[in-house]
Amino acid sequence: MNVRQESRCFVYVLGSPGRTYVGWTVDLERRLAQHNDGTGARSTRGRRWCLLYAEAYATRPEAMSREWFLKRDRKLRRSLALNADLHPM
């Protein structure tokens, strides 16, 4: 299946010292900027975030399903944060 860039959905993991955040979006750069500007999710406000990991999906339901699994995979999130040289959680 040939997926145009505009129709892709992304699942991402952000890192900040002592925390990770998992979400999904159709525009990674814009969403990261929103989180860092304090206009993203409430739980991300007041922190500086960096992108630790991202995956692309063709549809919103696929991305949302993967987000659900990543939110529950604390071992993976901790590993990503440690490899990015963020403080241990």
PDB file of N, CA and C in Angstrom:
ATOM      1  N   MET A   1       0.839  -1.179   0.000  1.00  0.00           N
ATOM      2  CA  MET A   1       0.000   0.000   0.000  1.00  0.00           C
ATOM      3  C   MET A   1       0.885   1.243   0.000  1.00  0.00           C
ATOM      4  N   ASN A   2       0.648   2.155  -0.924  1.00  0.00           N
ATOM      5  CA  ASN A   2       1.397   3.392  -1.002  1.00  0.00           C
ATOM      6  C   ASN A   2       0.708   4.454  -0.157  1.00  0.00           C
ATOM      7  N   VAL A   3       1.366   4.879   0.925  1.00  0.00           N
ATOM      8  CA  VAL A   3       0.775   5.838   1.852  1.00  0.00           C
ATOM      9  C   VAL A   3       1.420   7.198   1.623  1.00  0.00           C
ATOM     10  N   ARG A   4       0.602   8.212   1.381  1.00  0.00           N
ATOM     11  CA  ARG A   4       1.125   9.565   1.228  1.00  0.00           C
ATOM     12  C   ARG A   4       1.574  10.094   2.581  1.00  0.00           C
ATOM     13  N   GLN A   5       2.557  10.982   2.600  1.00  0.00           N
ATOM     14  CA  GLN A   5       3.099  11.544   3.839  1.00  0.00           C
ATOM     15  C   GLN A   5       2.003  12.207   4.670  1.00  0.00           C
ATOM     16  N   GLU A   6       1.060  12.905   4.026  1.00  0.00           N
ATOM     17  CA  GLU A   6       0.025  13.628   4.742  1.00  0.00           C
ATOM     18  C   GLU A   6      -0.901  12.702   5.525  1.00  0.00           C
ATOM     19  N   SER A   7      -1.054  11.465   5.078  1.00  0.00           N
ATOM     20  CA  SER A   7      -2.010  10.567   5.711  1.00  0.00           C
ATOM     21  C   SER A   7      -1.377   9.694   6.792  1.00  0.00           C
ATOM     22  N   ARG A   8      -0.087   9.843   7.024  1.00  0.00           N
ATOM     23  CA  ARG A   8       0.578   9.031   8.036  1.00  0.00           C
ATOM     24  C   ARG A   8       0.249   9.527   9.431  1.00  0.00           C
ATOM     25  N   CYS A   9       0.168   8.579  10.332  1.00  0.00           N
ATOM     26  CA  CYS A   9       0.009   8.879  11.747  1.00  0.00           C
ATOM     27  C   CYS A   9       1.254   8.355  12.450  1.00  0.00           C
ATOM     28  N   PHE A  10       1.688   9.072  13.445  1.00  0.00           N
ATOM     29  CA  PHE A  10       2.896   8.702  14.165  1.00  0.00           C
ATOM     30  C   PHE A  10       2.591   8.452  15.631  1.00  0.00           C
ATOM     31  N   VAL A  11       3.246   7.452  16.174  1.00  0.00           N
ATOM     32  CA  VAL A  11       3.246   7.215  17.614  1.00  0.00           C
ATOM     33  C   VAL A  11       4.640   7.610  18.067  1.00  0.00           C
ATOM     34  N   TYR A  12       4.709   8.337  19.180  1.00  0.00           N
ATOM     35  CA  TYR A  12       6.010   8.842  19.602  1.00  0.00           C
ATOM     36  C   TYR A  12       6.194   8.711  21.105  1.00  0.00           C
ATOM     37  N   VAL A  13       7.467   8.674  21.504  1.00  0.00           N
ATOM     38  CA  VAL A  13       7.827   8.673  22.916  1.00  0.00           C
ATOM     39  C   VAL A  13       8.737   9.878  23.126  1.00  0.00           C
ATOM     40  N   LEU A  14       8.345  10.736  24.059  1.00  0.00           N
ATOM     41  CA  LEU A  14       9.149  11.895  24.416  1.00  0.00           C
ATOM     42  C   LEU A  14       9.845  11.631  25.739  1.00  0.00           C
ATOM     43  N   GLY A  15      10.978  12.280  25.929  1.00  0.00           N
ATOM     44  CA  GLY A  15      11.701  12.141  27.179  1.00  0.00           C
ATOM     45  C   GLY A  15      12.069  13.493  27.762  1.00  0.00           C
ATOM     46  N   SER A  16      12.022  13.558  29.058  1.00  0.00           N
ATOM     47  CA  SER A  16      12.456  14.707  29.846  1.00  0.00           C
ATOM     48  C   SER A  16      13.049  14.104  31.108  1.00  0.00           C
ATOM     49  N   PRO A  17      14.033  14.738  31.737  1.00  0.00           N
ATOM     50  CA  PRO A  17      14.637  14.110  32.924  1.00  0.00           C
ATOM     51  C   PRO A  17      13.589  13.616  33.925  1.00  0.00           C
ATOM     52  N   GLY A  18      13.610  12.301  34.162  1.00  0.00           N
ATOM     53  CA  GLY A  18      12.701  11.697  35.119  1.00  0.00           C
ATOM     54  C   GLY A  18      11.334  11.310  34.578  1.00  0.00           C
ATOM     55  N   ARG A  19      11.059  11.573  33.306  1.00  0.00           N
ATOM     56  CA  ARG A  19       9.735  11.273  32.740  1.00  0.00           C
ATOM     57  C   ARG A  19       9.803  10.870  31.275  1.00  0.00           C
ATOM     58  N   THR A  20       8.800  10.124  30.874  1.00  0.00           N
ATOM     59  CA  THR A  20       8.557   9.878  29.446  1.00  0.00           C
ATOM     60  C   THR A  20       7.089  10.152  29.187  1.00  0.00           C
ATOM     61  N   TYR A  21       6.762  10.387  27.929  1.00  0.00           N
ATOM     62  CA  TYR A  21       5.384  10.646  27.519  1.00  0.00           C
ATOM     63  C   TYR A  21       5.165   9.955  26.192  1.00  0.00           C
ATOM     64  N   VAL A  22       4.029   9.294  26.025  1.00  0.00           N
ATOM     65  CA  VAL A  22       3.684   8.600  24.785  1.00  0.00           C
ATOM     66  C   VAL A  22       2.439   9.249  24.207  1.00  0.00           C
ATOM     67  N   GLY A  23       2.456   9.493  22.894  1.00  0.00           N
ATOM     68  CA  GLY A  23       1.292  10.072  22.231  1.00  0.00           C
ATOM     69  C   GLY A  23       1.276   9.692  20.759  1.00  0.00           C
ATOM     70  N   TRP A  24       0.296  10.240  20.041  1.00  0.00           N
ATOM     71  CA  TRP A  24       0.224  10.015  18.599  1.00  0.00           C
ATOM     72  C   TRP A  24      -0.144  11.336  17.937  1.00  0.00           C
ATOM     73  N   THR A  25       0.220  11.481  16.666  1.00  0.00           N
ATOM     74  CA  THR A  25      -0.024  12.710  15.932  1.00  0.00           C
ATOM     75  C   THR A  25       0.107  12.460  14.437  1.00  0.00           C
ATOM     76  N   VAL A  26      -0.261  13.450  13.640  1.00  0.00           N
ATOM     77  CA  VAL A  26      -0.029  13.378  12.201  1.00  0.00           C
ATOM     78  C   VAL A  26       1.140  14.281  11.806  1.00  0.00           C
ATOM     79  N   ASP A  27       1.643  15.095  12.738  1.00  0.00           N
ATOM     80  CA  ASP A  27       2.752  16.010  12.468  1.00  0.00           C
ATOM     81  C   ASP A  27       3.694  16.031  13.675  1.00  0.00           C
ATOM     82  N   LEU A  28       4.772  15.271  13.589  1.00  0.00           N
ATOM     83  CA  LEU A  28       5.698  15.127  14.721  1.00  0.00           C
ATOM     84  C   LEU A  28       6.353  16.447  15.131  1.00  0.00           C
ATOM     85  N   GLU A  29       6.839  17.199  14.177  1.00  0.00           N
ATOM     86  CA  GLU A  29       7.533  18.450  14.501  1.00  0.00           C
ATOM     87  C   GLU A  29       6.604  19.433  15.205  1.00  0.00           C
ATOM     88  N   ARG A  30       5.400  19.585  14.685  1.00  0.00           N
ATOM     89  CA  ARG A  30       4.431  20.501  15.285  1.00  0.00           C
ATOM     90  C   ARG A  30       4.060  20.058  16.693  1.00  0.00           C
ATOM     91  N   ARG A  31       3.864  18.763  16.869  1.00  0.00           N
ATOM     92  CA  ARG A  31       3.443  18.247  18.175  1.00  0.00           C
ATOM     93  C   ARG A  31       4.549  18.411  19.220  1.00  0.00           C
ATOM     94  N   LEU A  32       5.791  18.139  18.848  1.00  0.00           N
ATOM     95  CA  LEU A  32       6.897  18.333  19.779  1.00  0.00           C
ATOM     96  C   LEU A  32       7.004  19.808  20.175  1.00  0.00           C
ATOM     97  N   ALA A  33       6.840  20.699  19.199  1.00  0.00           N
ATOM     98  CA  ALA A  33       6.870  22.135  19.492  1.00  0.00           C
ATOM     99  C   ALA A  33       5.746  22.511  20.457  1.00  0.00           C
ATOM    100  N   GLN A  34       4.565  21.929  20.280  1.00  0.00           N
ATOM    101  CA  GLN A  34       3.449  22.212  21.190  1.00  0.00           C
ATOM    102  C   GLN A  34       3.781  21.770  22.610  1.00  0.00           C
ATOM    103  N   HIS A  35       4.343  20.589  22.754  1.00  0.00           N
ATOM    104  CA  HIS A  35       4.707  20.101  24.086  1.00  0.00           C
ATOM    105  C   HIS A  35       5.728  21.031  24.735  1.00  0.00           C
ATOM    106  N   ASN A  36       6.714  21.461  23.976  1.00  0.00           N
ATOM    107  CA  ASN A  36       7.757  22.320  24.529  1.00  0.00           C
ATOM    108  C   ASN A  36       7.294  23.753  24.758  1.00  0.00           C
ATOM    109  N   ASP A  37       6.256  24.199  24.053  1.00  0.00           N
ATOM    110  CA  ASP A  37       5.712  25.548  24.239  1.00  0.00           C
ATOM    111  C   ASP A  37       4.677  25.607  25.350  1.00  0.00           C
ATOM    112  N   GLY A  38       4.336  24.451  25.926  1.00  0.00           N
ATOM    113  CA  GLY A  38       3.347  24.432  27.001  1.00  0.00           C
ATOM    114  C   GLY A  38       1.912  24.354  26.518  1.00  0.00           C
ATOM    115  N   THR A  39       1.710  24.092  25.218  1.00  0.00           N
ATOM    116  CA  THR A  39       0.355  23.992  24.678  1.00  0.00           C
ATOM    117  C   THR A  39      -0.007  22.556  24.299  1.00  0.00           C
ATOM    118  N   GLY A  40       0.829  21.616  24.693  1.00  0.00           N
ATOM    119  CA  GLY A  40       0.555  20.201  24.427  1.00  0.00           C
ATOM    120  C   GLY A  40      -0.304  19.626  25.536  1.00  0.00           C
ATOM    121  N   ALA A  41      -0.134  18.374  25.800  1.00  0.00           N
ATOM    122  CA  ALA A  41      -0.888  17.704  26.858  1.00  0.00           C
ATOM    123  C   ALA A  41      -0.585  18.340  28.210  1.00  0.00           C
ATOM    124  N   ARG A  42      -1.556  18.346  29.069  1.00  0.00           N
ATOM    125  CA  ARG A  42      -1.412  18.973  30.384  1.00  0.00           C
ATOM    126  C   ARG A  42      -0.228  18.401  31.173  1.00  0.00           C
ATOM    127  N   SER A  43      -0.038  17.101  31.070  1.00  0.00           N
ATOM    128  CA  SER A  43       1.026  16.449  31.840  1.00  0.00           C
ATOM    129  C   SER A  43       2.429  16.758  31.316  1.00  0.00           C
ATOM    130  N   THR A  44       2.536  17.399  30.150  1.00  0.00           N
ATOM    131  CA  THR A  44       3.858  17.707  29.591  1.00  0.00           C
ATOM    132  C   THR A  44       4.264  19.157  29.813  1.00  0.00           C
ATOM    133  N   ARG A  45       3.400  19.963  30.375  1.00  0.00           N
ATOM    134  CA  ARG A  45       3.686  21.394  30.531  1.00  0.00           C
ATOM    135  C   ARG A  45       4.788  21.639  31.551  1.00  0.00           C
ATOM    136  N   GLY A  46       5.589  22.660  31.260  1.00  0.00           N
ATOM    137  CA  GLY A  46       6.637  23.057  32.189  1.00  0.00           C
ATOM    138  C   GLY A  46       7.911  22.243  32.106  1.00  0.00           C
ATOM    139  N   ARG A  47       8.045  21.430  31.083  1.00  0.00           N
ATOM    140  CA  ARG A  47       9.242  20.601  30.902  1.00  0.00           C
ATOM    141  C   ARG A  47       9.779  20.797  29.493  1.00  0.00           C
ATOM    142  N   ARG A  48      11.035  20.473  29.330  1.00  0.00           N
ATOM    143  CA  ARG A  48      11.657  20.471  28.009  1.00  0.00           C
ATOM    144  C   ARG A  48      11.715  19.022  27.546  1.00  0.00           C
ATOM    145  N   TRP A  49      11.147  18.732  26.378  1.00  0.00           N
ATOM    146  CA  TRP A  49      11.036  17.371  25.881  1.00  0.00           C
ATOM    147  C   TRP A  49      11.910  17.162  24.657  1.00  0.00           C
ATOM    148  N   CYS A  50      12.397  15.923  24.487  1.00  0.00           N
ATOM    149  CA  CYS A  50      13.091  15.536  23.265  1.00  0.00           C
ATOM    150  C   CYS A  50      12.449  14.247  22.748  1.00  0.00           C
ATOM    151  N   LEU A  51      12.492  14.084  21.452  1.00  0.00           N
ATOM    152  CA  LEU A  51      11.914  12.897  20.823  1.00  0.00           C
ATOM    153  C   LEU A  51      12.860  11.727  21.016  1.00  0.00           C
ATOM    154  N   LEU A  52      12.370  10.670  21.663  1.00  0.00           N
ATOM    155  CA  LEU A  52      13.176   9.473  21.908  1.00  0.00           C
ATOM    156  C   LEU A  52      12.931   8.393  20.864  1.00  0.00           C
ATOM    157  N   TYR A  53      11.685   8.328  20.351  1.00  0.00           N
ATOM    158  CA  TYR A  53      11.303   7.198  19.504  1.00  0.00           C
ATOM    159  C   TYR A  53      10.033   7.555  18.743  1.00  0.00           C
ATOM    160  N   ALA A  54       9.914   7.073  17.516  1.00  0.00           N
ATOM    161  CA  ALA A  54       8.697   7.296  16.729  1.00  0.00           C
ATOM    162  C   ALA A  54       8.488   6.148  15.754  1.00  0.00           C
ATOM    163  N   GLU A  55       7.233   5.855  15.484  1.00  0.00           N
ATOM    164  CA  GLU A  55       6.840   4.841  14.500  1.00  0.00           C
ATOM    165  C   GLU A  55       5.752   5.450  13.622  1.00  0.00           C
ATOM    166  N   ALA A  56       5.741   5.108  12.328  1.00  0.00           N
ATOM    167  CA  ALA A  56       4.730   5.603  11.394  1.00  0.00           C
ATOM    168  C   ALA A  56       3.701   4.515  11.103  1.00  0.00           C
ATOM    169  N   TYR A  57       2.439   4.931  11.009  1.00  0.00           N
ATOM    170  CA  TYR A  57       1.338   4.021  10.687  1.00  0.00           C
ATOM    171  C   TYR A  57       0.468   4.647   9.616  1.00  0.00           C
ATOM    172  N   ALA A  58      -0.206   3.808   8.852  1.00  0.00           N
ATOM    173  CA  ALA A  58      -1.031   4.285   7.747  1.00  0.00           C
ATOM    174  C   ALA A  58      -2.365   4.853   8.223  1.00  0.00           C
ATOM    175  N   THR A  59      -2.862   4.368   9.359  1.00  0.00           N
ATOM    176  CA  THR A  59      -4.184   4.803   9.804  1.00  0.00           C
ATOM    177  C   THR A  59      -4.160   5.230  11.269  1.00  0.00           C
ATOM    178  N   ARG A  60      -5.131   6.045  11.615  1.00  0.00           N
ATOM    179  CA  ARG A  60      -5.276   6.512  13.001  1.00  0.00           C
ATOM    180  C   ARG A  60      -5.534   5.355  13.972  1.00  0.00           C
ATOM    181  N   PRO A  61      -6.432   4.423  13.664  1.00  0.00           N
ATOM    182  CA  PRO A  61      -6.663   3.312  14.599  1.00  0.00           C
ATOM    183  C   PRO A  61      -5.408   2.484  14.877  1.00  0.00           C
ATOM    184  N   GLU A  62      -4.579   2.273  13.851  1.00  0.00           N
ATOM    185  CA  GLU A  62      -3.327   1.532  14.061  1.00  0.00           C
ATOM    186  C   GLU A  62      -2.416   2.294  15.020  1.00  0.00           C
ATOM    187  N   ALA A  63      -2.286   3.593  14.816  1.00  0.00           N
ATOM    188  CA  ALA A  63      -1.434   4.414  15.672  1.00  0.00           C
ATOM    189  C   ALA A  63      -1.962   4.447  17.100  1.00  0.00           C
ATOM    190  N   MET A  64      -3.261   4.593  17.258  1.00  0.00           N
ATOM    191  CA  MET A  64      -3.853   4.663  18.596  1.00  0.00           C
ATOM    192  C   MET A  64      -3.703   3.340  19.334  1.00  0.00           C
ATOM    193  N   SER A  65      -3.808   2.229  18.618  1.00  0.00           N
ATOM    194  CA  SER A  65      -3.634   0.920  19.228  1.00  0.00           C
ATOM    195  C   SER A  65      -2.190   0.741  19.708  1.00  0.00           C
ATOM    196  N   ARG A  66      -1.240   1.145  18.867  1.00  0.00           N
ATOM    197  CA  ARG A  66       0.167   1.025  19.247  1.00  0.00           C
ATOM    198  C   ARG A  66       0.499   1.950  20.427  1.00  0.00           C
ATOM    199  N   GLU A  67      -0.101   3.153  20.438  1.00  0.00           N
ATOM    200  CA  GLU A  67       0.098   4.072  21.553  1.00  0.00           C
ATOM    201  C   GLU A  67      -0.337   3.418  22.861  1.00  0.00           C
ATOM    202  N   TRP A  68      -1.463   2.735  22.836  1.00  0.00           N
ATOM    203  CA  TRP A  68      -1.987   2.060  24.025  1.00  0.00           C
ATOM    204  C   TRP A  68      -0.966   1.068  24.574  1.00  0.00           C
ATOM    205  N   PHE A  69      -0.348   0.291  23.673  1.00  0.00           N
ATOM    206  CA  PHE A  69       0.642  -0.699  24.111  1.00  0.00           C
ATOM    207  C   PHE A  69       1.912  -0.029  24.635  1.00  0.00           C
ATOM    208  N   LEU A  70       2.370   1.021  23.958  1.00  0.00           N
ATOM    209  CA  LEU A  70       3.590   1.688  24.398  1.00  0.00           C
ATOM    210  C   LEU A  70       3.405   2.370  25.747  1.00  0.00           C
ATOM    211  N   LYS A  71       2.232   2.894  26.017  1.00  0.00           N
ATOM    212  CA  LYS A  71       1.976   3.530  27.307  1.00  0.00           C
ATOM    213  C   LYS A  71       2.112   2.528  28.446  1.00  0.00           C
ATOM    214  N   ARG A  72       1.872   1.278  28.180  1.00  0.00           N
ATOM    215  CA  ARG A  72       1.939   0.254  29.209  1.00  0.00           C
ATOM    216  C   ARG A  72       3.281  -0.466  29.268  1.00  0.00           C
ATOM    217  N   ASP A  73       4.154  -0.179  28.323  1.00  0.00           N
ATOM    218  CA  ASP A  73       5.463  -0.834  28.262  1.00  0.00           C
ATOM    219  C   ASP A  73       6.510   0.035  28.963  1.00  0.00           C
ATOM    220  N   ARG A  74       6.487   0.012  30.284  1.00  0.00           N
ATOM    221  CA  ARG A  74       7.400   0.852  31.067  1.00  0.00           C
ATOM    222  C   ARG A  74       8.854   0.447  30.881  1.00  0.00           C
ATOM    223  N   LYS A  75       9.095  -0.816  30.657  1.00  0.00           N
ATOM    224  CA  LYS A  75      10.464  -1.291  30.460  1.00  0.00           C
ATOM    225  C   LYS A  75      11.077  -0.648  29.206  1.00  0.00           C
ATOM    226  N   LEU A  76      10.335  -0.615  28.115  1.00  0.00           N
ATOM    227  CA  LEU A  76      10.814   0.010  26.881  1.00  0.00           C
ATOM    228  C   LEU A  76      11.027   1.505  27.096  1.00  0.00           C
ATOM    229  N   ARG A  77      10.081   2.177  27.724  1.00  0.00           N
ATOM    230  CA  ARG A  77      10.191   3.617  27.960  1.00  0.00           C
ATOM    231  C   ARG A  77      11.409   3.940  28.831  1.00  0.00           C
ATOM    232  N   ARG A  78      11.646   3.154  29.850  1.00  0.00           N
ATOM    233  CA  ARG A  78      12.808   3.359  30.723  1.00  0.00           C
ATOM    234  C   ARG A  78      14.100   3.153  29.929  1.00  0.00           C
ATOM    235  N   SER A  79      14.125   2.123  29.108  1.00  0.00           N
ATOM    236  CA  SER A  79      15.297   1.834  28.290  1.00  0.00           C
ATOM    237  C   SER A  79      15.579   2.986  27.313  1.00  0.00           C
ATOM    238  N   LEU A  80      14.550   3.515  26.685  1.00  0.00           N
ATOM    239  CA  LEU A  80      14.722   4.640  25.766  1.00  0.00           C
ATOM    240  C   LEU A  80      15.286   5.856  26.495  1.00  0.00           C
ATOM    241  N   ALA A  81      14.765   6.127  27.675  1.00  0.00           N
ATOM    242  CA  ALA A  81      15.228   7.277  28.458  1.00  0.00           C
ATOM    243  C   ALA A  81      16.685   7.103  28.881  1.00  0.00           C
ATOM    244  N   LEU A  82      17.058   5.906  29.294  1.00  0.00           N
ATOM    245  CA  LEU A  82      18.439   5.667  29.716  1.00  0.00           C
ATOM    246  C   LEU A  82      19.409   5.761  28.545  1.00  0.00           C
ATOM    247  N   ASN A  83      19.001   5.241  27.379  1.00  0.00           N
ATOM    248  CA  ASN A  83      19.851   5.315  26.190  1.00  0.00           C
ATOM    249  C   ASN A  83      19.992   6.739  25.676  1.00  0.00           C
ATOM    250  N   ALA A  84      19.035   7.593  25.989  1.00  0.00           N
ATOM    251  CA  ALA A  84      19.088   8.995  25.568  1.00  0.00           C
ATOM    252  C   ALA A  84      19.833   9.837  26.590  1.00  0.00           C
ATOM    253  N   ASP A  85      20.387   9.198  27.606  1.00  0.00           N
ATOM    254  CA  ASP A  85      21.130   9.864  28.669  1.00  0.00           C
ATOM    255  C   ASP A  85      20.246  10.789  29.505  1.00  0.00           C
ATOM    256  N   LEU A  86      18.998  10.401  29.708  1.00  0.00           N
ATOM    257  CA  LEU A  86      18.115  11.121  30.612  1.00  0.00           C
ATOM    258  C   LEU A  86      18.251  10.482  31.991  1.00  0.00           C
ATOM    259  N   HIS A  87      17.921  11.213  33.018  1.00  0.00           N
ATOM    260  CA  HIS A  87      18.013  10.667  34.379  1.00  0.00           C
ATOM    261  C   HIS A  87      17.113   9.444  34.535  1.00  0.00           C
ATOM    262  N   PRO A  88      17.513   8.479  35.356  1.00  0.00           N
ATOM    263  CA  PRO A  88      16.674   7.294  35.581  1.00  0.00           C
ATOM    264  C   PRO A  88      15.324   7.681  36.160  1.00  0.00           C
ATOM    265  N   MET A  89      14.320   6.903  35.792  1.00  0.00           N
ATOM    266  CA  MET A  89      12.968   7.166  36.282  1.00  0.00           C
ATOM    267  C   MET A  89      12.680   6.351  37.502  1.00  0.00           C
TER     268      MET A  89
END
